[in-house]
N, C-alpha and C. Protein backbone atom coordinates (compact mmCIF):
# COMPACT_ATOMS: atom_id res chain seq x y z
N MET A 1 82.96 260.62 -147.88
CA MET A 1 83.54 259.66 -146.90
C MET A 1 83.96 260.42 -145.60
N LEU A 2 84.67 261.48 -145.62
CA LEU A 2 85.05 262.18 -144.62
C LEU A 2 83.94 262.82 -143.79
N ILE A 3 82.79 263.34 -144.38
CA ILE A 3 81.69 263.46 -143.77
C ILE A 3 81.10 262.57 -143.03
N VAL A 4 80.94 261.48 -143.73
CA VAL A 4 80.23 260.24 -142.64
C VAL A 4 81.05 259.91 -141.53
N LEU A 5 82.42 259.97 -141.61
CA LEU A 5 83.30 259.43 -140.44
C LEU A 5 83.26 260.69 -139.52
N SER A 6 83.23 261.78 -139.94
CA SER A 6 83.07 262.90 -138.90
C SER A 6 81.74 262.80 -138.21
N PHE A 7 80.68 262.63 -138.80
CA PHE A 7 79.44 262.40 -138.28
C PHE A 7 79.32 261.15 -137.38
N ALA A 8 79.83 260.19 -137.74
CA ALA A 8 80.12 258.93 -136.73
C ALA A 8 80.71 259.24 -135.58
N VAL A 9 81.84 259.96 -135.61
CA VAL A 9 82.70 260.29 -134.39
C VAL A 9 81.82 261.38 -133.35
N LEU A 10 81.12 262.16 -134.03
CA LEU A 10 80.28 263.28 -133.52
C LEU A 10 79.10 262.28 -132.66
N VAL A 11 78.72 261.50 -133.28
CA VAL A 11 77.41 260.66 -132.70
C VAL A 11 78.24 259.69 -131.57
N LEU A 12 79.37 259.09 -131.73
CA LEU A 12 79.87 258.58 -130.55
C LEU A 12 80.40 259.50 -129.50
N ALA A 13 80.74 260.54 -129.54
CA ALA A 13 81.22 261.44 -128.68
C ALA A 13 79.90 261.68 -127.70
N ILE A 14 78.73 262.15 -128.42
CA ILE A 14 77.39 262.46 -127.74
C ILE A 14 77.12 261.26 -126.79
N GLY A 15 77.20 260.09 -127.57
CA GLY A 15 76.85 258.71 -126.74
C GLY A 15 77.44 258.60 -125.59
N VAL A 16 78.88 258.93 -125.69
CA VAL A 16 79.76 258.67 -124.40
C VAL A 16 79.36 259.80 -123.25
N LEU A 17 79.15 261.01 -123.84
CA LEU A 17 78.80 261.83 -122.82
C LEU A 17 77.31 261.62 -122.21
N VAL A 18 76.33 261.02 -122.82
CA VAL A 18 75.09 260.51 -122.31
C VAL A 18 75.40 259.42 -121.37
N LEU A 19 76.31 258.63 -121.60
CA LEU A 19 76.53 257.42 -120.76
C LEU A 19 77.21 257.91 -119.40
N PHE A 20 78.12 258.83 -119.50
CA PHE A 20 78.67 259.48 -118.31
C PHE A 20 77.65 260.07 -117.47
N ALA A 21 76.60 260.72 -118.09
CA ALA A 21 75.59 261.60 -117.48
C ALA A 21 74.54 260.54 -116.64
N MET A 22 74.36 259.30 -117.53
CA MET A 22 73.65 258.50 -116.89
C MET A 22 74.29 257.63 -115.67
N MET A 23 75.44 257.46 -115.63
CA MET A 23 76.26 256.86 -114.56
C MET A 23 76.21 257.90 -113.39
N GLY A 24 76.38 259.16 -113.58
CA GLY A 24 76.42 260.05 -112.73
C GLY A 24 75.07 260.21 -111.87
N GLU A 25 74.05 260.11 -112.74
CA GLU A 25 72.69 260.22 -112.05
C GLU A 25 72.43 258.85 -111.29
N LEU A 26 72.85 257.63 -111.91
CA LEU A 26 72.67 256.29 -110.94
C LEU A 26 73.46 256.45 -109.78
N SER A 27 74.68 257.16 -109.73
CA SER A 27 75.63 256.98 -108.55
C SER A 27 74.81 257.89 -107.56
N ALA A 28 74.08 259.11 -108.04
CA ALA A 28 73.61 260.22 -107.09
C ALA A 28 72.21 259.42 -106.40
N ARG A 29 71.75 258.36 -107.04
CA ARG A 29 70.59 257.74 -106.55
C ARG A 29 70.92 256.68 -105.52
N MET A 30 72.23 256.20 -105.56
CA MET A 30 72.77 255.14 -104.54
C MET A 30 72.79 255.61 -103.21
N PRO A 31 72.36 254.79 -102.22
CA PRO A 31 72.54 255.25 -100.81
C PRO A 31 74.07 255.53 -100.38
N GLN A 32 74.25 256.30 -99.45
CA GLN A 32 75.68 256.74 -98.99
C GLN A 32 76.07 255.31 -98.41
N GLY A 33 77.29 255.16 -98.39
CA GLY A 33 77.94 253.95 -97.71
C GLY A 33 78.46 253.10 -98.95
N GLY A 34 78.22 253.32 -100.16
CA GLY A 34 78.86 252.68 -101.18
C GLY A 34 78.02 251.49 -101.64
N GLY A 35 76.91 251.31 -101.23
CA GLY A 35 76.21 250.30 -101.90
C GLY A 35 74.65 250.14 -101.27
N PRO A 36 73.92 249.35 -101.68
CA PRO A 36 72.56 249.10 -101.24
C PRO A 36 72.59 248.67 -99.83
N GLU A 37 71.53 248.83 -99.09
CA GLU A 37 71.56 248.33 -97.77
C GLU A 37 71.20 246.80 -97.78
N ARG A 38 71.58 246.15 -96.80
CA ARG A 38 71.43 244.71 -96.77
C ARG A 38 70.15 244.51 -96.22
N SER A 39 69.55 243.35 -96.71
CA SER A 39 68.13 243.07 -96.28
C SER A 39 68.29 242.33 -95.06
N THR A 40 67.38 242.53 -94.12
CA THR A 40 67.48 241.87 -92.81
C THR A 40 66.16 240.85 -92.73
N VAL A 41 65.69 240.61 -93.90
CA VAL A 41 64.29 239.57 -94.05
C VAL A 41 64.90 238.12 -94.00
N ILE A 42 64.46 237.30 -93.20
CA ILE A 42 64.63 236.01 -93.19
C ILE A 42 63.53 235.32 -93.55
N ALA A 43 63.62 234.66 -94.62
CA ALA A 43 62.32 233.90 -95.44
C ALA A 43 62.50 232.49 -95.29
N PRO A 44 61.54 231.88 -94.59
CA PRO A 44 61.66 230.28 -94.38
C PRO A 44 61.52 229.80 -95.94
N LEU A 45 62.11 228.64 -96.17
CA LEU A 45 62.03 228.13 -97.54
C LEU A 45 61.22 226.70 -97.27
N GLU A 46 60.34 226.66 -98.31
CA GLU A 46 59.66 225.38 -98.28
C GLU A 46 60.39 224.31 -98.76
N THR A 47 60.61 223.39 -98.15
CA THR A 47 61.18 222.00 -98.43
C THR A 47 60.46 220.89 -98.16
N GLU A 48 60.43 219.75 -98.74
CA GLU A 48 59.96 218.68 -98.35
C GLU A 48 60.92 217.74 -97.44
N ARG A 49 62.09 218.34 -97.54
CA ARG A 49 63.14 217.50 -96.54
C ARG A 49 63.31 218.05 -95.18
N ILE A 50 62.37 218.70 -94.69
CA ILE A 50 62.31 219.04 -93.11
C ILE A 50 62.15 217.54 -92.36
N GLY A 51 62.89 217.35 -91.52
CA GLY A 51 62.98 216.40 -90.48
C GLY A 51 63.99 215.11 -91.33
N HIS A 52 64.69 215.63 -92.42
CA HIS A 52 65.60 214.34 -92.95
C HIS A 52 66.90 214.55 -92.14
N SER A 53 67.43 213.31 -91.95
CA SER A 53 68.80 213.16 -91.59
C SER A 53 69.67 212.62 -92.59
N PRO A 54 70.80 213.25 -93.01
CA PRO A 54 71.67 212.74 -94.11
C PRO A 54 72.02 211.32 -93.73
N GLY A 55 72.16 210.65 -94.73
CA GLY A 55 72.76 209.34 -94.52
C GLY A 55 74.41 209.31 -94.23
N HIS A 56 74.95 210.18 -94.77
CA HIS A 56 76.31 210.59 -94.74
C HIS A 56 76.74 212.02 -94.48
N TRP A 57 77.69 212.48 -93.63
CA TRP A 57 78.07 213.72 -93.30
C TRP A 57 79.40 213.97 -93.86
N PRO A 58 79.52 214.96 -94.71
CA PRO A 58 81.05 215.19 -95.21
C PRO A 58 81.80 215.58 -94.13
N PRO A 59 83.27 215.52 -94.42
CA PRO A 59 84.25 215.95 -93.44
C PRO A 59 83.99 217.58 -93.16
N GLY A 60 84.06 217.83 -91.70
CA GLY A 60 83.97 219.31 -91.55
C GLY A 60 82.63 219.77 -90.99
N LEU A 61 81.61 218.82 -91.27
CA LEU A 61 80.33 218.93 -91.11
C LEU A 61 79.67 217.77 -89.86
N SER A 62 80.53 216.82 -89.70
CA SER A 62 80.01 215.61 -88.85
C SER A 62 79.27 216.19 -87.71
N HIS A 63 79.90 217.26 -87.03
CA HIS A 63 79.53 217.77 -85.67
C HIS A 63 77.93 218.01 -85.70
N LEU A 64 77.39 218.40 -86.80
CA LEU A 64 75.98 218.82 -87.10
C LEU A 64 75.04 217.46 -86.64
N LYS A 65 75.43 216.37 -86.80
CA LYS A 65 74.67 215.12 -86.47
C LYS A 65 74.37 214.99 -85.03
N GLN A 66 75.23 215.65 -84.16
CA GLN A 66 74.99 215.10 -82.74
C GLN A 66 74.20 216.31 -82.01
N GLY A 67 74.22 217.52 -82.42
CA GLY A 67 73.40 218.52 -81.47
C GLY A 67 72.80 219.54 -82.36
N ASP A 68 72.56 220.78 -81.89
CA ASP A 68 71.94 222.08 -82.43
C ASP A 68 72.95 222.55 -83.51
N GLY A 69 72.59 222.66 -84.58
CA GLY A 69 73.62 223.53 -85.45
C GLY A 69 72.85 224.38 -86.55
N CYS A 70 73.76 225.17 -87.19
CA CYS A 70 73.24 225.93 -88.39
C CYS A 70 74.38 225.85 -89.40
N LEU A 71 73.84 225.41 -90.61
CA LEU A 71 74.86 225.28 -91.75
C LEU A 71 74.38 226.46 -92.79
N LEU A 72 75.54 227.47 -92.92
CA LEU A 72 75.38 228.37 -93.94
C LEU A 72 75.96 227.96 -95.24
N VAL A 73 74.85 227.92 -96.38
CA VAL A 73 75.27 227.48 -97.50
C VAL A 73 75.53 228.61 -98.44
N LEU A 74 76.73 228.68 -98.87
CA LEU A 74 77.06 229.70 -99.69
C LEU A 74 77.68 229.30 -101.04
N SER A 75 77.69 230.13 -102.05
CA SER A 75 78.36 229.77 -103.48
C SER A 75 79.54 230.60 -103.62
N SER A 76 80.46 230.00 -104.26
CA SER A 76 81.70 230.80 -104.56
C SER A 76 81.41 231.76 -105.72
N SER A 77 80.23 231.65 -106.38
CA SER A 77 80.14 232.59 -107.41
C SER A 77 78.83 233.74 -107.03
N CYS A 78 78.52 233.55 -105.84
CA CYS A 78 77.35 234.48 -105.38
C CYS A 78 77.87 235.80 -104.74
N THR A 79 77.44 236.87 -105.20
CA THR A 79 77.94 238.25 -104.44
C THR A 79 77.52 238.48 -103.07
N SER A 80 76.11 237.83 -102.91
CA SER A 80 75.58 238.06 -101.45
C SER A 80 76.16 237.02 -100.65
N CYS A 81 76.73 236.01 -101.18
CA CYS A 81 77.51 234.95 -100.12
C CYS A 81 78.88 235.53 -99.96
N GLN A 82 79.51 236.15 -100.93
CA GLN A 82 80.77 236.83 -100.34
C GLN A 82 80.49 237.90 -99.34
N ASP A 83 79.58 238.44 -99.15
CA ASP A 83 79.06 239.61 -98.18
C ASP A 83 78.75 238.96 -97.03
N VAL A 84 78.15 237.65 -96.96
CA VAL A 84 78.00 236.86 -95.87
C VAL A 84 79.16 236.34 -95.11
N ALA A 85 80.05 235.97 -95.99
CA ALA A 85 81.22 235.48 -95.42
C ALA A 85 82.05 236.46 -94.88
N LEU A 86 82.00 237.54 -95.39
CA LEU A 86 82.72 238.68 -94.74
C LEU A 86 82.00 239.24 -93.31
N GLN A 87 80.87 239.06 -93.36
CA GLN A 87 79.89 239.34 -92.10
C GLN A 87 80.41 238.40 -91.01
N VAL A 88 80.49 237.03 -91.41
CA VAL A 88 80.98 236.07 -90.52
C VAL A 88 82.48 236.39 -89.85
N THR A 89 83.29 236.73 -90.71
CA THR A 89 84.83 236.70 -90.25
C THR A 89 85.10 238.24 -89.76
N ARG A 90 84.31 239.26 -90.00
CA ARG A 90 84.51 240.46 -89.57
C ARG A 90 83.89 240.77 -88.21
N ASN A 91 82.93 239.82 -87.75
CA ASN A 91 82.13 240.03 -86.60
C ASN A 91 82.72 238.86 -85.69
N PRO A 92 83.63 239.22 -84.52
CA PRO A 92 83.99 238.15 -83.59
C PRO A 92 82.86 237.35 -82.94
N GLY A 93 81.83 237.87 -82.77
CA GLY A 93 80.52 237.39 -82.19
C GLY A 93 80.20 236.11 -83.16
N HIS A 94 80.17 236.34 -84.51
CA HIS A 94 79.85 235.40 -85.32
C HIS A 94 80.77 234.24 -85.29
N LEU A 95 81.98 234.63 -85.43
CA LEU A 95 83.08 233.53 -85.35
C LEU A 95 83.07 232.84 -84.23
N GLU A 96 82.51 233.26 -82.98
CA GLU A 96 82.40 232.51 -81.93
C GLU A 96 81.06 231.58 -81.74
N TRP A 97 80.35 231.86 -82.91
CA TRP A 97 79.09 231.03 -82.93
C TRP A 97 79.36 229.39 -82.98
N GLN A 98 79.32 228.94 -81.75
CA GLN A 98 79.71 227.42 -81.80
C GLN A 98 78.84 226.51 -82.58
N GLU A 99 77.80 226.84 -83.00
CA GLU A 99 76.57 225.81 -83.76
C GLU A 99 76.92 226.27 -85.21
N MET A 100 77.60 226.97 -85.73
CA MET A 100 77.89 227.44 -86.98
C MET A 100 78.65 226.54 -87.79
N ALA A 101 78.51 226.13 -88.95
CA ALA A 101 79.20 225.67 -90.12
C ALA A 101 78.99 226.20 -91.42
N VAL A 102 79.90 226.14 -92.28
CA VAL A 102 79.79 226.83 -93.63
C VAL A 102 80.10 225.80 -94.61
N LEU A 103 79.09 225.76 -95.62
CA LEU A 103 79.32 224.88 -96.81
C LEU A 103 79.37 225.75 -98.25
N VAL A 104 80.50 225.59 -98.65
CA VAL A 104 80.70 226.46 -99.97
C VAL A 104 80.40 225.37 -101.16
N SER A 105 79.45 225.85 -101.91
CA SER A 105 79.27 225.26 -103.13
C SER A 105 79.99 225.84 -104.19
N ALA A 106 80.93 225.23 -104.94
CA ALA A 106 81.76 225.67 -105.95
C ALA A 106 81.86 224.53 -107.21
N PHE A 107 82.21 225.26 -108.27
CA PHE A 107 82.59 224.38 -109.36
C PHE A 107 83.43 223.16 -109.37
N ASP A 108 84.56 223.69 -108.60
CA ASP A 108 85.51 222.54 -108.26
C ASP A 108 86.04 222.92 -106.91
N ALA A 109 86.95 221.88 -106.26
CA ALA A 109 87.54 222.05 -104.95
C ALA A 109 88.60 223.23 -105.13
N LYS A 110 89.18 223.54 -106.08
CA LYS A 110 90.25 224.58 -105.88
C LYS A 110 89.37 225.85 -105.60
N THR A 111 88.44 226.01 -106.42
CA THR A 111 87.45 227.31 -106.39
C THR A 111 86.95 227.48 -104.93
N GLY A 112 86.53 226.59 -104.36
CA GLY A 112 85.83 226.38 -103.31
C GLY A 112 87.05 226.68 -102.00
N LYS A 113 88.09 226.29 -102.30
CA LYS A 113 89.18 226.39 -101.19
C LYS A 113 89.54 227.75 -101.41
N GLU A 114 89.79 228.34 -102.59
CA GLU A 114 90.16 229.74 -102.62
C GLU A 114 88.99 230.70 -101.94
N PHE A 115 87.78 230.46 -102.32
CA PHE A 115 86.65 231.06 -101.34
C PHE A 115 86.99 231.27 -99.94
N VAL A 116 87.13 230.09 -99.28
CA VAL A 116 87.43 229.73 -98.04
C VAL A 116 88.61 230.68 -97.46
N SER A 117 89.67 230.72 -98.35
CA SER A 117 90.84 231.23 -97.83
C SER A 117 90.76 232.70 -98.13
N ARG A 118 90.15 233.11 -99.15
CA ARG A 118 90.11 234.75 -99.57
C ARG A 118 89.16 235.40 -98.48
N HIS A 119 87.94 234.68 -97.90
CA HIS A 119 87.07 235.29 -96.89
C HIS A 119 87.57 234.91 -95.41
N GLY A 120 88.72 234.06 -95.21
CA GLY A 120 89.07 233.89 -93.89
C GLY A 120 88.17 232.96 -93.37
N LEU A 121 87.64 232.06 -93.73
CA LEU A 121 86.71 231.10 -93.21
C LEU A 121 87.28 229.74 -92.62
N GLY A 122 88.64 229.68 -92.87
CA GLY A 122 89.51 228.54 -92.60
C GLY A 122 89.22 228.12 -91.07
N SER A 123 89.07 229.09 -90.16
CA SER A 123 88.72 228.64 -88.91
C SER A 123 87.41 228.18 -88.42
N VAL A 124 86.44 228.28 -89.27
CA VAL A 124 85.26 227.84 -89.08
C VAL A 124 84.93 226.58 -89.75
N PRO A 125 84.17 225.58 -89.07
CA PRO A 125 84.08 224.29 -89.40
C PRO A 125 83.27 224.52 -91.05
N HIS A 126 84.04 223.95 -91.92
CA HIS A 126 83.57 224.13 -93.40
C HIS A 126 83.72 222.76 -94.27
N TYR A 127 83.01 222.93 -95.29
CA TYR A 127 83.19 221.73 -96.61
C TYR A 127 82.90 222.44 -97.54
N VAL A 128 83.83 222.09 -98.72
CA VAL A 128 83.67 222.69 -100.00
C VAL A 128 82.87 221.57 -100.77
N ASP A 129 81.47 221.91 -101.18
CA ASP A 129 80.82 221.02 -101.92
C ASP A 129 80.94 221.24 -103.48
N GLU A 130 81.64 220.14 -104.19
CA GLU A 130 81.70 220.48 -105.58
C GLU A 130 80.45 220.37 -106.14
N ARG A 131 79.91 221.49 -107.24
CA ARG A 131 78.76 221.44 -107.78
C ARG A 131 77.58 221.36 -106.87
N GLY A 132 77.74 221.47 -105.62
CA GLY A 132 76.71 221.51 -104.70
C GLY A 132 75.98 220.20 -104.66
N SER A 133 76.70 219.19 -105.01
CA SER A 133 76.11 217.65 -105.11
C SER A 133 75.67 217.15 -103.64
N TRP A 134 76.17 217.57 -102.75
CA TRP A 134 75.66 216.83 -101.39
C TRP A 134 74.49 217.67 -100.96
N VAL A 135 74.60 219.09 -100.90
CA VAL A 135 73.47 219.85 -100.35
C VAL A 135 72.32 219.66 -101.26
N MET A 136 72.45 219.47 -102.62
CA MET A 136 71.18 219.25 -103.41
C MET A 136 70.70 217.67 -103.51
N GLY A 137 71.86 216.95 -103.26
CA GLY A 137 71.22 215.57 -103.03
C GLY A 137 70.40 215.06 -101.60
N GLU A 138 71.03 215.68 -100.61
CA GLU A 138 70.39 215.57 -99.41
C GLU A 138 69.28 216.45 -98.93
N PHE A 139 69.21 217.58 -99.50
CA PHE A 139 68.26 218.67 -98.93
C PHE A 139 67.53 219.50 -100.05
N SER A 140 67.83 219.16 -101.40
CA SER A 140 67.15 219.62 -102.46
C SER A 140 67.39 221.14 -102.53
N ILE A 141 68.46 221.56 -101.90
CA ILE A 141 68.78 222.93 -102.00
C ILE A 141 69.61 223.44 -103.17
N ARG A 142 69.14 224.57 -103.98
CA ARG A 142 69.69 224.97 -105.08
C ARG A 142 69.87 226.53 -105.23
N GLN A 143 70.06 226.89 -104.18
CA GLN A 143 70.12 228.54 -104.07
C GLN A 143 71.01 228.65 -102.88
N SER A 144 71.35 230.12 -102.89
CA SER A 144 72.24 230.60 -101.77
C SER A 144 72.27 232.19 -101.84
N PRO A 145 72.44 232.71 -100.68
CA PRO A 145 72.78 232.16 -99.45
C PRO A 145 71.59 231.56 -98.56
N VAL A 146 71.64 230.37 -97.98
CA VAL A 146 70.53 229.64 -97.27
C VAL A 146 71.33 229.25 -96.07
N ALA A 147 70.46 229.04 -94.97
CA ALA A 147 70.74 228.81 -93.74
C ALA A 147 70.03 227.55 -93.34
N LEU A 148 70.66 226.28 -92.89
CA LEU A 148 69.88 225.03 -92.55
C LEU A 148 70.15 224.82 -91.26
N THR A 149 69.06 224.80 -90.38
CA THR A 149 69.21 224.43 -89.01
C THR A 149 68.93 223.16 -88.72
N PHE A 150 69.74 222.58 -87.79
CA PHE A 150 69.82 220.88 -87.39
C PHE A 150 69.33 220.93 -85.79
N SER A 151 68.77 219.60 -85.54
CA SER A 151 68.68 219.28 -84.21
C SER A 151 68.99 217.88 -84.20
N GLY A 152 69.91 217.26 -83.57
CA GLY A 152 70.17 215.81 -83.65
C GLY A 152 70.18 215.35 -85.03
N GLY A 153 70.89 216.15 -85.70
CA GLY A 153 71.15 215.69 -87.21
C GLY A 153 70.04 215.69 -88.05
N GLN A 154 68.86 216.27 -87.69
CA GLN A 154 67.72 216.35 -88.35
C GLN A 154 67.80 217.78 -89.01
N LEU A 155 67.15 218.08 -90.14
CA LEU A 155 66.91 219.36 -90.86
C LEU A 155 65.60 219.80 -90.11
N MET A 156 65.72 220.89 -89.32
CA MET A 156 64.80 221.50 -88.84
C MET A 156 64.00 222.78 -89.49
N ALA A 157 64.65 223.38 -90.11
CA ALA A 157 64.35 224.70 -91.10
C ALA A 157 65.41 224.97 -92.12
N ALA A 158 64.94 225.74 -93.03
CA ALA A 158 65.67 226.24 -94.04
C ALA A 158 65.24 227.73 -94.40
N TYR A 159 66.35 228.76 -94.35
CA TYR A 159 65.98 230.09 -94.50
C TYR A 159 66.80 230.81 -95.50
N SER A 160 66.23 231.59 -96.34
CA SER A 160 66.94 232.39 -97.23
C SER A 160 67.22 233.75 -96.32
N PHE A 161 68.54 234.27 -96.41
CA PHE A 161 68.92 235.30 -95.59
C PHE A 161 69.93 236.10 -96.28
N HIS A 162 70.12 237.36 -95.87
CA HIS A 162 71.39 238.10 -96.34
C HIS A 162 72.12 238.77 -95.06
N ASP A 163 71.61 238.63 -94.08
CA ASP A 163 72.11 239.46 -92.72
C ASP A 163 72.30 238.34 -91.64
N VAL A 164 73.57 238.06 -91.22
CA VAL A 164 73.84 236.99 -90.37
C VAL A 164 73.33 237.48 -89.05
N ALA A 165 73.37 238.76 -88.51
CA ALA A 165 72.95 239.09 -87.18
C ALA A 165 71.40 238.93 -87.40
N ALA A 166 70.69 239.12 -88.28
CA ALA A 166 69.21 238.94 -88.26
C ALA A 166 68.88 237.45 -88.35
N LEU A 167 69.70 236.67 -89.08
CA LEU A 167 69.58 235.30 -89.18
C LEU A 167 69.63 234.71 -87.58
N ARG A 168 70.68 234.96 -86.80
CA ARG A 168 70.84 234.45 -85.70
C ARG A 168 69.79 234.93 -84.63
N ALA A 169 69.27 236.32 -84.75
CA ALA A 169 68.15 236.56 -84.00
C ALA A 169 66.91 235.76 -84.35
N ALA A 170 66.73 235.42 -85.54
CA ALA A 170 65.44 234.69 -85.91
C ALA A 170 65.63 233.23 -85.33
N ILE A 171 66.82 232.74 -85.54
CA ILE A 171 67.13 231.24 -85.14
C ILE A 171 66.77 231.24 -83.58
N SER A 172 67.28 232.12 -82.91
CA SER A 172 67.10 232.12 -81.51
C SER A 172 65.78 232.21 -80.96
N GLU A 173 64.86 233.02 -81.80
CA GLU A 173 63.63 233.02 -81.34
C GLU A 173 62.77 231.66 -81.51
N THR A 174 63.24 230.94 -82.53
CA THR A 174 62.48 229.71 -82.76
C THR A 174 63.10 228.43 -81.93
N ARG A 175 64.10 228.55 -81.40
CA ARG A 175 64.48 227.46 -80.47
C ARG A 175 63.91 227.52 -79.25
N PRO A 176 63.39 226.30 -78.81
CA PRO A 176 62.71 226.25 -77.42
C PRO A 176 63.71 226.41 -76.25
N ASP A 177 64.91 226.21 -76.44
CA ASP A 177 65.79 226.53 -75.43
C ASP A 177 66.53 227.88 -75.35
N ALA A 178 65.98 228.74 -76.36
CA ALA A 178 66.68 230.10 -76.28
C ALA A 178 66.55 230.92 -75.10
N ALA A 179 65.47 230.65 -74.53
CA ALA A 179 65.25 231.64 -73.13
C ALA A 179 66.22 230.95 -72.12
N ARG A 180 66.40 229.83 -71.94
CA ARG A 180 67.32 229.15 -71.09
C ARG A 180 68.78 229.47 -71.40
N GLN A 181 69.18 229.65 -72.56
CA GLN A 181 70.69 229.70 -72.99
C GLN A 181 70.83 231.11 -73.85
N PRO A 182 70.52 232.16 -73.31
CA PRO A 182 70.87 233.37 -74.32
C PRO A 182 72.29 233.68 -74.66
N GLU A 183 73.24 233.04 -73.84
CA GLU A 183 74.71 233.43 -74.16
C GLU A 183 75.09 232.55 -75.53
N ARG A 184 74.29 231.40 -75.82
CA ARG A 184 74.77 230.73 -77.00
C ARG A 184 74.38 231.48 -78.29
N THR A 185 73.54 232.50 -78.25
CA THR A 185 73.04 233.06 -79.56
C THR A 185 73.31 234.61 -79.29
N ALA A 186 73.88 234.90 -78.31
CA ALA A 186 74.22 236.57 -77.97
C ALA A 186 75.17 236.87 -79.37
N LEU A 187 74.78 238.13 -79.66
CA LEU A 187 75.59 238.81 -80.75
C LEU A 187 76.75 239.53 -80.03
């Protein structure tokens, strides 16, 4: 019995050494700076809801029914969404983006409010969408992070994104008034 136990401990020790060696190899392959680079790809989403105007706008988002705007759809359980939230709050240019609002899809209001507080989004027009019911019901959006652009309350486009600066650049290129008003979308 003692021989079996000794053999099991030896196998366990070798397994731990191999695990640490694999972790070291993985760490060596990661880019410098602590993590993978953020994708700047802005991918249009195909949705049958382009041109749709919601029948009701939740508190915090009602300003989107009048003019041009961009709604960032984030989830409280999404790592990429946490990164997007930090991009917004750490860049004063993004915080001054007048057309931006944030929707946080969360399991419940408490979790959504904690996400807003933890990431400093309180000064940005925002709405906590419990279980994503409003954004799913109005626009059939079931993923995040997503940006929805509006003009006069109508959904003009939907994009999957990870980089807020790249998103803003892509949106400014698609707007017909971008050439006349570069200061509105300047980074």
